[in-house]
Amino acid sequence: MTRQQIRISDIIIPKYLPIFNNRQVKHIILTSGRAGTKSSFAAIRADYQLVSDANGSVVVLRKRHNKLRKTVYKEMLRGINRLQVPKHLFKIGKSPMEITYKKYETTMYFSGSDGIDDTKGIIDEDKPIKLVILDELTEFFDDGEGEDELANIEATFVRGNKSGFQMIYLYNPPKNPNAEINQWCKKMEERSDCVHIHTDYRDVPIDWLGQDLIDTAEEMKAADIKMYRWTWLGESTGVDDLIYYMFSPKAHIYNPESYSKESREAIGEIGIGVDYGQKNPTTFEAFGIDHEVQCLRGLKEYYYSGRDENKQKSPSDYAKDMKKFCDELEREYKRVVSYIFIDPSAAGLIEEVRRILPHISVILAKNDVALGISRVQKFLSFKKILVSTSQKMLIREMGLYQYDEKSIQKGKEEPLKVNDHCEDALRYLIMGMWRLISYMLPMSERGDNR
């Protein structure tokens, strides 16, 4: 039976067609918003390299080894399906991760680049590397040596190639136009051997994406146009000084007195985020899952500043305050508090709270600031968080919590360490309860569950 031939124009978007068979361009930078299909293109191009060139192999790099299998490795296997090449024509290995086209013995290697010298061992003497794909390029700048590391990778693999060597770089542009990777891209655009193509979901046929995805994009467009332009269009929209610029009293604050007894007793799991300070304030922010409205509902706040009160409290004092705080919540909402997420630097407080409240899961908070802020922003943008009027200090900080302007100018967004205590507690809570609450967001906004 003759296998039906597939046309490349049927499986990649028109914007990518001019570069698919162009081997004269050495550097191809592909940026996009969400669902711009750059990863799909890179996979098809990489798989095609194996089956079309008897003398050229491929290497696919991410900054971290542990992210390879669930991302680019899976995408490359999908690319084989899209090309409609039978998988039995390949040797597909998981340990090590390699894909080899049996006819030519051309191989696709997968590796992390944990250090600037990490890639030097991946050199195919018989079938030189003709194509290097660098996925999630921002990681090479945020966690690596940036431009120096990319130059080292190029120098490693270009050896042994007389012509046709290419590097494809994939990333979603950061919000900040001053980010180092954005500056690198501008510099690369000036080179005669570089092409930069930017796409977004509007460049892709609707039947490839599905109407649900289009609806999700439009939902964000209606909720937060600036977030939409960055997330879905891939524009570097700039960074607001005010971190939670999307917070609005009308959309995000409710009066608990208008909340019925029946609704209170229907609240799901209750979590408490805790930011601890010795001289700085210590705060507890309690939220419950409102399954009926599908939101995270603010319930109660505790705030104590030893500096303002001219009296310091010990960890055991705060643990007693926490017990009282939980007892009041449990009486009012007729259920036991499920989780307490505490600032990981507060070892003494964690020990005291675990001792005095053994029936509650006391968990070290995840302190990934950038990821935590992005998740809080999503909940605010989609109006999936309601703050009680009783959470006065949290509400106050929403209008004061800012990035350091100097850090923005340097391309790194770092929050100022003022007016951040309740905001840190909220971030700990959302990070800790993410597995339970991310379902409230559109599917494409949930990310991973870590």
Protein backbone atom coordinates (compact mmCIF):
# COMPACT_ATOMS: atom_id res chain seq x y z
CA MET A 1 0.00 0.00 0.00
CA THR A 2 1.45 3.37 -1.03
CA ARG A 3 1.74 5.87 1.80
CA GLN A 4 0.05 9.18 1.06
CA GLN A 5 2.54 12.00 0.84
CA ILE A 6 2.10 14.96 3.16
CA ARG A 7 2.65 18.52 2.03
CA ILE A 8 4.66 20.68 4.42
CA SER A 9 2.29 23.57 3.72
CA ASP A 10 -0.49 21.46 5.23
CA ILE A 11 1.23 21.16 8.62
CA ILE A 12 3.02 24.47 9.19
CA ILE A 13 1.59 27.98 9.05
CA PRO A 14 2.34 30.23 6.03
CA LYS A 15 4.67 32.51 8.01
CA TYR A 16 7.13 29.63 8.41
CA LEU A 17 7.10 28.33 4.82
CA PRO A 18 9.88 30.63 3.50
CA ILE A 19 12.38 29.32 6.05
CA PHE A 20 11.55 25.63 6.05
CA ASN A 21 13.96 24.69 3.27
CA ASN A 22 16.20 27.74 3.49
CA ARG A 23 19.64 26.55 4.60
CA GLN A 24 21.36 29.87 3.91
CA VAL A 25 20.15 31.47 7.14
CA LYS A 26 22.28 30.41 10.09
CA HIS A 27 20.19 31.79 12.98
CA ILE A 28 16.40 31.54 13.13
CA ILE A 29 14.67 33.21 16.08
CA LEU A 30 11.05 32.20 16.58
CA THR A 31 9.03 34.16 19.12
CA SER A 32 5.31 34.07 19.75
CA GLY A 33 2.45 34.47 22.11
CA ARG A 34 0.62 31.41 23.32
CA ALA A 35 -0.37 28.91 20.59
CA GLY A 36 1.85 30.50 17.94
CA THR A 37 2.93 26.97 16.82
CA LYS A 38 6.68 27.70 16.94
CA SER A 39 7.34 24.48 18.90
CA SER A 40 5.32 22.48 16.38
CA PHE A 41 7.33 24.00 13.51
CA ALA A 42 10.64 23.29 15.24
CA ALA A 43 9.65 19.64 15.78
CA ILE A 44 8.62 19.14 12.16
CA ARG A 45 11.78 20.84 10.95
CA ALA A 46 13.98 18.72 13.26
CA ASP A 47 12.33 15.43 12.29
CA TYR A 48 12.53 16.38 8.62
CA GLN A 49 16.26 16.99 9.05
CA LEU A 50 16.76 13.36 10.12
CA VAL A 51 14.84 11.84 7.22
CA SER A 52 15.96 14.22 4.45
CA ASP A 53 19.71 14.58 5.06
CA ALA A 54 21.79 11.41 5.27
CA ASN A 55 24.70 13.34 6.78
CA GLY A 56 23.13 15.60 9.37
CA SER A 57 22.02 15.03 12.96
CA VAL A 58 20.14 17.29 15.40
CA VAL A 59 20.56 18.36 19.01
CA VAL A 60 17.74 19.79 21.10
CA LEU A 61 18.65 21.76 24.21
CA ARG A 62 16.87 23.17 27.20
CA LYS A 63 18.58 24.80 30.12
CA ARG A 64 17.54 22.06 32.55
CA HIS A 65 17.68 18.29 31.92
CA ASN A 66 14.59 17.56 34.01
CA LYS A 67 12.27 19.45 31.65
CA LEU A 68 13.23 17.67 28.45
CA ARG A 69 11.05 14.56 28.47
CA LYS A 70 7.72 16.23 29.12
CA THR A 71 8.32 19.07 26.65
CA VAL A 72 10.58 18.94 23.59
CA TYR A 73 10.97 15.14 23.53
CA LYS A 74 7.19 14.69 23.35
CA GLU A 75 6.93 17.46 20.78
CA MET A 76 9.47 15.74 18.52
CA LEU A 77 7.45 12.53 18.65
CA ARG A 78 4.34 14.50 17.67
CA GLY A 79 6.34 15.95 14.79
CA ILE A 80 6.95 12.46 13.42
CA ASN A 81 3.20 11.86 13.47
CA ARG A 82 2.55 15.16 11.69
CA LEU A 83 5.03 14.22 8.97
CA GLN A 84 3.23 10.85 8.72
CA VAL A 85 6.49 8.94 8.81
CA PRO A 86 5.93 5.50 10.41
CA LYS A 87 7.54 5.33 13.84
CA HIS A 88 8.96 1.87 13.17
CA LEU A 89 11.46 3.59 10.87
CA PHE A 90 13.04 5.17 13.94
CA LYS A 91 14.86 3.92 17.00
CA ILE A 92 13.24 5.86 19.83
CA GLY A 93 15.11 5.73 23.12
CA LYS A 94 14.23 7.15 26.51
CA SER A 95 17.49 6.51 28.36
CA PRO A 96 19.34 8.15 26.83
CA MET A 97 16.72 10.26 25.07
CA GLU A 98 17.58 9.85 21.39
CA ILE A 99 15.62 9.47 18.17
CA THR A 100 17.49 7.82 15.29
CA TYR A 101 16.29 7.44 11.71
CA LYS A 102 17.33 3.87 10.91
CA LYS A 103 17.91 4.34 7.19
CA TYR A 104 20.61 7.00 7.58
CA GLU A 105 21.56 6.54 11.26
CA THR A 106 20.97 10.28 11.71
CA THR A 107 20.17 11.02 15.33
CA MET A 108 18.38 13.62 17.40
CA TYR A 109 20.03 14.15 20.79
CA PHE A 110 18.39 15.80 23.79
CA SER A 111 20.36 17.53 26.51
CA GLY A 112 20.23 20.14 29.21
CA SER A 113 22.81 22.90 29.38
CA ASP A 114 23.32 23.18 33.12
CA GLY A 115 26.71 24.81 32.60
CA ILE A 116 28.53 26.56 29.82
CA ASP A 117 30.64 23.41 29.11
CA ASP A 118 27.73 20.97 29.40
CA THR A 119 27.18 20.53 25.67
CA LYS A 120 30.74 19.71 24.61
CA GLY A 121 30.22 15.95 24.93
CA ILE A 122 27.44 15.83 22.34
CA ILE A 123 29.41 15.68 19.14
CA ASP A 124 28.51 13.17 16.43
CA GLU A 125 31.73 12.33 14.59
CA ASP A 126 30.02 10.37 11.79
CA LYS A 127 26.91 12.49 11.32
CA PRO A 128 27.73 16.10 12.26
CA ILE A 129 25.13 18.22 13.98
CA LYS A 130 23.44 20.27 11.27
CA LEU A 131 20.63 21.69 13.40
CA VAL A 132 20.62 22.96 16.98
CA ILE A 133 17.28 23.81 18.60
CA LEU A 134 17.23 25.80 21.83
CA ASP A 135 13.83 25.65 23.52
CA GLU A 136 12.60 28.10 26.20
CA LEU A 137 15.53 30.37 25.46
CA THR A 138 14.68 32.73 28.34
CA GLU A 139 16.01 30.06 30.73
CA PHE A 140 19.48 30.45 29.21
CA PHE A 141 19.39 34.13 30.17
CA ASP A 142 17.57 33.89 33.51
CA ASP A 143 19.46 30.85 34.84
CA GLY A 144 22.56 30.69 32.66
CA GLU A 145 25.26 32.78 31.04
CA GLY A 146 23.01 34.17 28.33
CA GLU A 147 24.73 35.36 25.17
CA ASP A 148 28.08 33.84 26.20
CA GLU A 149 26.46 30.44 26.63
CA LEU A 150 24.75 30.63 23.23
CA ALA A 151 28.04 31.54 21.57
CA ASN A 152 29.71 28.57 23.24
CA ILE A 153 26.96 26.23 22.05
CA GLU A 154 27.32 27.51 18.49
CA ALA A 155 31.10 27.09 18.58
CA THR A 156 30.69 23.52 19.87
CA PHE A 157 28.42 22.28 17.10
CA VAL A 158 29.39 24.32 14.07
CA ARG A 159 32.67 22.41 13.85
CA GLY A 160 32.71 19.78 11.13
CA ASN A 161 30.05 21.55 9.07
CA LYS A 162 30.97 22.92 5.66
CA SER A 163 27.51 24.40 5.02
CA GLY A 164 23.90 24.24 6.05
CA PHE A 165 24.44 24.54 9.83
CA GLN A 166 21.50 26.23 11.58
CA MET A 167 20.35 27.20 15.05
CA ILE A 168 16.69 27.72 15.93
CA TYR A 169 15.85 29.69 19.06
CA LEU A 170 12.36 29.47 20.63
CA TYR A 171 10.91 31.71 23.31
CA ASN A 172 7.95 33.80 24.41
CA PRO A 173 9.17 37.39 24.88
CA PRO A 174 9.30 38.63 28.48
CA LYS A 175 7.04 41.52 29.44
CA ASN A 176 10.00 43.78 30.04
CA PRO A 177 11.42 45.33 26.84
CA ASN A 178 14.68 45.83 28.77
CA ALA A 179 15.08 42.10 29.48
CA GLU A 180 18.47 40.82 28.39
CA ILE A 181 17.00 38.34 25.92
CA ASN A 182 15.03 41.10 24.19
CA GLN A 183 18.20 43.15 23.84
CA TRP A 184 20.03 40.09 22.44
CA CYS A 185 17.24 39.58 19.89
CA LYS A 186 17.50 43.18 18.67
CA LYS A 187 21.23 42.74 18.21
CA MET A 188 20.74 39.47 16.29
CA GLU A 189 18.18 41.08 13.98
CA GLU A 190 20.93 43.33 12.63
CA ARG A 191 22.93 40.34 11.38
CA SER A 192 22.65 39.30 7.75
CA ASP A 193 22.65 35.60 8.72
CA CYS A 194 19.66 35.90 11.09
CA VAL A 195 15.89 35.85 10.60
CA HIS A 196 13.37 36.68 13.34
CA ILE A 197 9.75 35.56 12.89
CA HIS A 198 7.05 36.43 15.40
CA THR A 199 3.65 34.72 15.40
CA ASP A 200 0.54 34.54 17.53
CA TYR A 201 -2.60 32.44 17.57
CA ARG A 202 -4.24 34.65 14.95
CA ASP A 203 -1.72 33.34 12.38
CA VAL A 204 -2.97 29.79 12.90
CA PRO A 205 -6.06 28.23 11.27
CA ILE A 206 -8.91 28.05 13.78
CA ASP A 207 -9.52 24.36 13.08
CA TRP A 208 -5.93 23.61 14.19
CA LEU A 209 -6.44 25.28 17.55
CA GLY A 210 -10.12 24.69 18.29
CA GLN A 211 -12.75 27.25 19.19
CA ASP A 212 -12.26 26.69 22.93
CA LEU A 213 -8.73 28.09 22.73
CA ILE A 214 -9.90 31.12 20.74
CA ASP A 215 -12.63 31.70 23.33
CA THR A 216 -10.07 31.54 26.15
CA ALA A 217 -7.93 34.17 24.44
CA GLU A 218 -10.93 36.41 23.93
CA GLU A 219 -11.93 35.91 27.55
CA MET A 220 -8.56 37.26 28.69
CA LYS A 221 -8.81 40.08 26.16
CA ALA A 222 -12.05 41.17 27.78
CA ALA A 223 -10.73 40.72 31.33
CA ASP A 224 -7.27 42.30 31.02
CA ILE A 225 -6.15 43.70 27.65
CA LYS A 226 -2.56 44.24 28.76
CA MET A 227 -2.19 40.66 30.02
CA TYR A 228 -3.79 39.46 26.77
CA ARG A 229 -1.32 41.39 24.63
CA TRP A 230 1.62 39.83 26.49
CA THR A 231 0.28 36.30 26.99
CA TRP A 232 -1.51 35.73 23.70
CA LEU A 233 0.11 38.20 21.29
CA GLY A 234 3.62 37.87 22.71
CA GLU A 235 4.16 41.63 22.95
CA SER A 236 6.69 43.04 25.41
CA THR A 237 4.10 45.38 26.87
CA GLY A 238 6.29 46.81 29.61
CA VAL A 239 6.15 46.27 33.35
CA ASP A 240 3.85 48.36 35.54
CA ASP A 241 5.40 49.69 38.71
CA LEU A 242 2.26 48.49 40.51
CA ILE A 243 2.43 44.69 40.53
CA TYR A 244 -1.29 43.98 40.91
CA TYR A 245 -2.48 46.79 38.65
CA MET A 246 -5.54 44.69 37.75
CA PHE A 247 -6.90 44.77 41.33
CA SER A 248 -10.10 46.78 41.61
CA PRO A 249 -12.30 47.27 44.69
CA LYS A 250 -15.45 46.86 42.60
CA ALA A 251 -14.36 43.54 41.09
CA HIS A 252 -12.38 42.01 43.94
CA ILE A 253 -13.75 43.14 47.32
CA TYR A 254 -16.86 41.79 49.01
CA ASN A 255 -18.58 42.47 52.32
CA PRO A 256 -18.81 39.27 54.42
CA GLU A 257 -21.94 40.60 56.12
CA SER A 258 -23.76 39.99 52.83
CA TYR A 259 -22.49 36.42 52.75
CA SER A 260 -25.23 34.07 53.99
CA LYS A 261 -24.81 31.49 56.74
CA GLU A 262 -25.60 28.72 54.23
CA SER A 263 -22.89 29.94 51.89
CA ARG A 264 -20.38 30.17 54.73
CA GLU A 265 -21.01 26.60 55.70
CA ALA A 266 -20.58 25.50 52.06
CA ILE A 267 -17.00 26.85 51.85
CA GLY A 268 -14.53 24.17 50.81
CA GLU A 269 -10.93 23.72 51.91
CA ILE A 270 -9.55 26.61 53.96
CA GLY A 271 -5.92 27.62 53.67
CA ILE A 272 -3.85 30.23 55.50
CA GLY A 273 -0.80 31.99 54.10
CA VAL A 274 1.68 33.26 56.69
CA ASP A 275 4.41 35.86 56.31
CA TYR A 276 6.60 36.10 59.39
CA GLY A 277 8.70 38.97 60.65
CA GLN A 278 10.55 39.60 63.87
CA LYS A 279 10.66 43.37 63.63
CA ASN A 280 8.59 43.49 60.46
CA PRO A 281 4.88 42.62 60.55
CA THR A 282 3.61 39.05 60.80
CA THR A 283 0.41 38.38 58.93
CA PHE A 284 -2.02 35.49 58.41
CA GLU A 285 -4.32 35.59 55.36
CA ALA A 286 -7.12 33.01 55.29
CA PHE A 287 -9.00 32.05 52.13
CA GLY A 288 -11.50 29.33 51.38
CA ILE A 289 -12.49 27.62 48.14
CA ASP A 290 -15.95 28.76 47.06
CA HIS A 291 -16.98 25.94 44.74
CA GLU A 292 -20.38 27.46 44.07
CA VAL A 293 -19.01 30.74 42.68
CA GLN A 294 -15.72 29.10 41.61
CA CYS A 295 -13.40 31.56 43.28
CA LEU A 296 -10.94 31.83 46.14
CA ARG A 297 -12.77 33.77 48.84
CA GLY A 298 -11.00 35.81 51.51
CA LEU A 299 -12.19 34.98 55.02
CA LYS A 300 -10.03 36.54 57.72
CA GLU A 301 -6.82 38.47 58.39
CA TYR A 302 -4.32 38.74 61.24
CA TYR A 303 -1.69 41.50 61.25
CA TYR A 304 0.77 42.38 63.98
CA SER A 305 3.76 44.69 63.75
CA GLY A 306 6.18 44.52 66.68
CA ARG A 307 7.79 47.76 65.53
CA ASP A 308 4.46 49.64 65.50
CA GLU A 309 3.23 48.11 68.75
CA ASN A 310 6.59 48.57 70.51
CA LYS A 311 6.40 44.98 71.69
CA GLN A 312 7.96 41.98 69.98
CA LYS A 313 6.22 38.60 69.96
CA SER A 314 7.98 35.24 70.09
CA PRO A 315 7.22 32.34 67.74
CA SER A 316 5.26 30.67 70.56
CA ASP A 317 3.17 33.85 70.94
CA TYR A 318 2.37 33.84 67.25
CA ALA A 319 1.54 30.13 67.39
CA LYS A 320 -1.01 30.85 70.14
CA ASP A 321 -2.46 33.63 68.01
CA MET A 322 -2.65 31.20 65.11
CA LYS A 323 -4.57 28.69 67.23
CA LYS A 324 -7.08 31.35 68.19
CA PHE A 325 -7.30 32.45 64.55
CA CYS A 326 -8.00 28.88 63.38
CA ASP A 327 -10.50 28.20 66.17
CA GLU A 328 -12.50 31.25 65.11
CA LEU A 329 -12.44 30.20 61.46
CA GLU A 330 -13.51 26.68 62.28
CA ARG A 331 -16.44 27.89 64.40
CA GLU A 332 -17.59 30.35 61.75
CA TYR A 333 -17.24 28.09 58.72
CA LYS A 334 -18.04 24.75 60.37
CA ARG A 335 -14.95 23.00 59.06
CA VAL A 336 -11.37 22.37 60.07
CA VAL A 337 -8.65 24.48 58.48
CA SER A 338 -6.92 22.27 55.90
CA TYR A 339 -3.52 23.94 55.35
CA ILE A 340 -1.18 26.54 56.78
CA PHE A 341 1.59 27.70 54.42
CA ILE A 342 4.35 29.45 56.33
CA ASP A 343 7.26 31.59 55.17
CA PRO A 344 10.06 28.98 54.83
CA SER A 345 12.52 31.19 56.73
CA ALA A 346 10.37 31.00 59.88
CA ALA A 347 11.68 27.66 61.22
CA GLY A 348 10.84 28.46 64.84
CA LEU A 349 7.26 29.47 64.05
CA ILE A 350 6.73 26.38 61.90
CA GLU A 351 7.82 24.14 64.76
CA GLU A 352 5.57 25.92 67.27
CA VAL A 353 2.50 25.87 65.00
CA ARG A 354 2.96 22.18 64.28
CA ARG A 355 3.16 21.49 67.98
CA ILE A 356 0.05 23.48 68.93
CA LEU A 357 -2.07 22.53 65.88
CA PRO A 358 -1.20 18.88 65.13
CA HIS A 359 -4.47 18.30 63.25
CA ILE A 360 -3.62 20.83 60.49
CA SER A 361 -1.11 20.32 57.67
CA VAL A 362 1.60 22.93 58.24
CA ILE A 363 3.64 23.30 55.03
CA LEU A 364 6.75 25.27 54.11
CA ALA A 365 5.63 27.84 51.56
CA LYS A 366 7.00 27.71 48.02
CA ASN A 367 8.97 30.91 47.56
CA ASP A 368 9.21 31.20 43.77
CA VAL A 369 8.43 34.92 43.66
CA ALA A 370 8.03 35.38 39.89
CA LEU A 371 5.81 32.31 39.43
CA GLY A 372 3.78 33.16 42.52
CA ILE A 373 3.15 36.72 41.36
CA SER A 374 2.09 35.52 37.90
CA ARG A 375 -0.42 33.13 39.49
CA VAL A 376 -1.90 35.81 41.72
CA GLN A 377 -2.15 38.08 38.67
CA LYS A 378 -4.06 35.40 36.77
CA PHE A 379 -6.54 34.96 39.60
CA LEU A 380 -7.06 38.71 39.74
CA SER A 381 -7.33 39.12 35.96
CA PHE A 382 -9.98 36.40 35.69
CA LYS A 383 -11.75 37.69 38.81
CA LYS A 384 -11.29 34.37 40.59
CA ILE A 385 -10.32 35.91 43.92
CA LEU A 386 -12.51 37.88 46.31
CA VAL A 387 -11.02 39.77 49.25
CA SER A 388 -13.07 40.37 52.39
CA THR A 389 -13.50 43.95 53.61
CA SER A 390 -12.07 42.62 56.89
CA GLN A 391 -8.71 42.01 55.16
CA LYS A 392 -7.86 45.68 55.44
CA MET A 393 -4.07 45.44 55.27
CA LEU A 394 -4.16 43.14 52.24
CA ILE A 395 -6.41 45.61 50.46
CA ARG A 396 -4.12 48.49 51.42
CA GLU A 397 -1.02 46.71 50.10
CA MET A 398 -2.73 45.90 46.79
CA GLY A 399 -2.42 49.57 45.94
CA LEU A 400 1.17 49.89 47.19
CA TYR A 401 3.00 46.68 46.23
CA GLN A 402 5.48 47.70 43.52
CA TYR A 403 8.45 46.61 41.48
CA ASP A 404 11.73 48.40 42.03
CA GLU A 405 11.93 50.86 39.11
CA LYS A 406 15.71 50.42 38.87
CA SER A 407 15.35 46.66 38.51
CA ILE A 408 12.86 47.15 35.65
CA GLN A 409 15.34 49.36 33.84
CA LYS A 410 17.96 46.61 34.21
CA GLY A 411 15.57 44.04 32.75
CA LYS A 412 14.92 42.21 36.04
CA GLU A 413 11.62 42.70 37.88
CA GLU A 414 12.24 42.67 41.63
CA PRO A 415 9.51 43.70 44.08
CA LEU A 416 10.37 46.37 46.59
CA LYS A 417 10.67 44.93 50.08
CA VAL A 418 8.02 47.26 51.50
CA ASN A 419 4.25 46.92 51.68
CA ASP A 420 4.68 43.25 50.83
CA HIS A 421 3.81 41.27 53.96
CA CYS A 422 0.17 40.48 53.19
CA GLU A 423 1.04 40.09 49.51
CA ASP A 424 3.68 37.48 50.38
CA ALA A 425 1.15 35.63 52.54
CA LEU A 426 -1.37 35.63 49.68
CA ARG A 427 1.28 34.40 47.25
CA TYR A 428 2.27 31.55 49.61
CA LEU A 429 -1.38 30.55 49.86
CA ILE A 430 -2.05 30.51 46.11
CA MET A 431 1.17 28.62 45.40
CA GLY A 432 0.35 26.08 48.10
CA MET A 433 -3.24 25.49 47.01
CA TRP A 434 -2.57 25.60 43.28
CA ARG A 435 -3.48 21.96 42.66
CA LEU A 436 -6.87 22.58 44.26
CA ILE A 437 -7.72 25.95 42.73
CA SER A 438 -6.14 26.09 39.26
CA TYR A 439 -9.24 24.39 37.79
CA MET A 440 -11.02 27.74 38.18
CA LEU A 441 -8.90 29.22 35.39
CA PRO A 442 -9.24 28.49 31.68
CA MET A 443 -7.31 25.34 30.76
CA SER A 444 -4.55 27.22 28.95
CA GLU A 445 -3.83 29.39 32.02
CA ARG A 446 -3.25 26.59 34.52
CA GLY A 447 0.34 25.72 33.66
CA ASP A 448 1.89 22.87 35.62
CA ASN A 449 0.83 21.90 39.12
CA ARG A 450 4.12 22.40 40.91
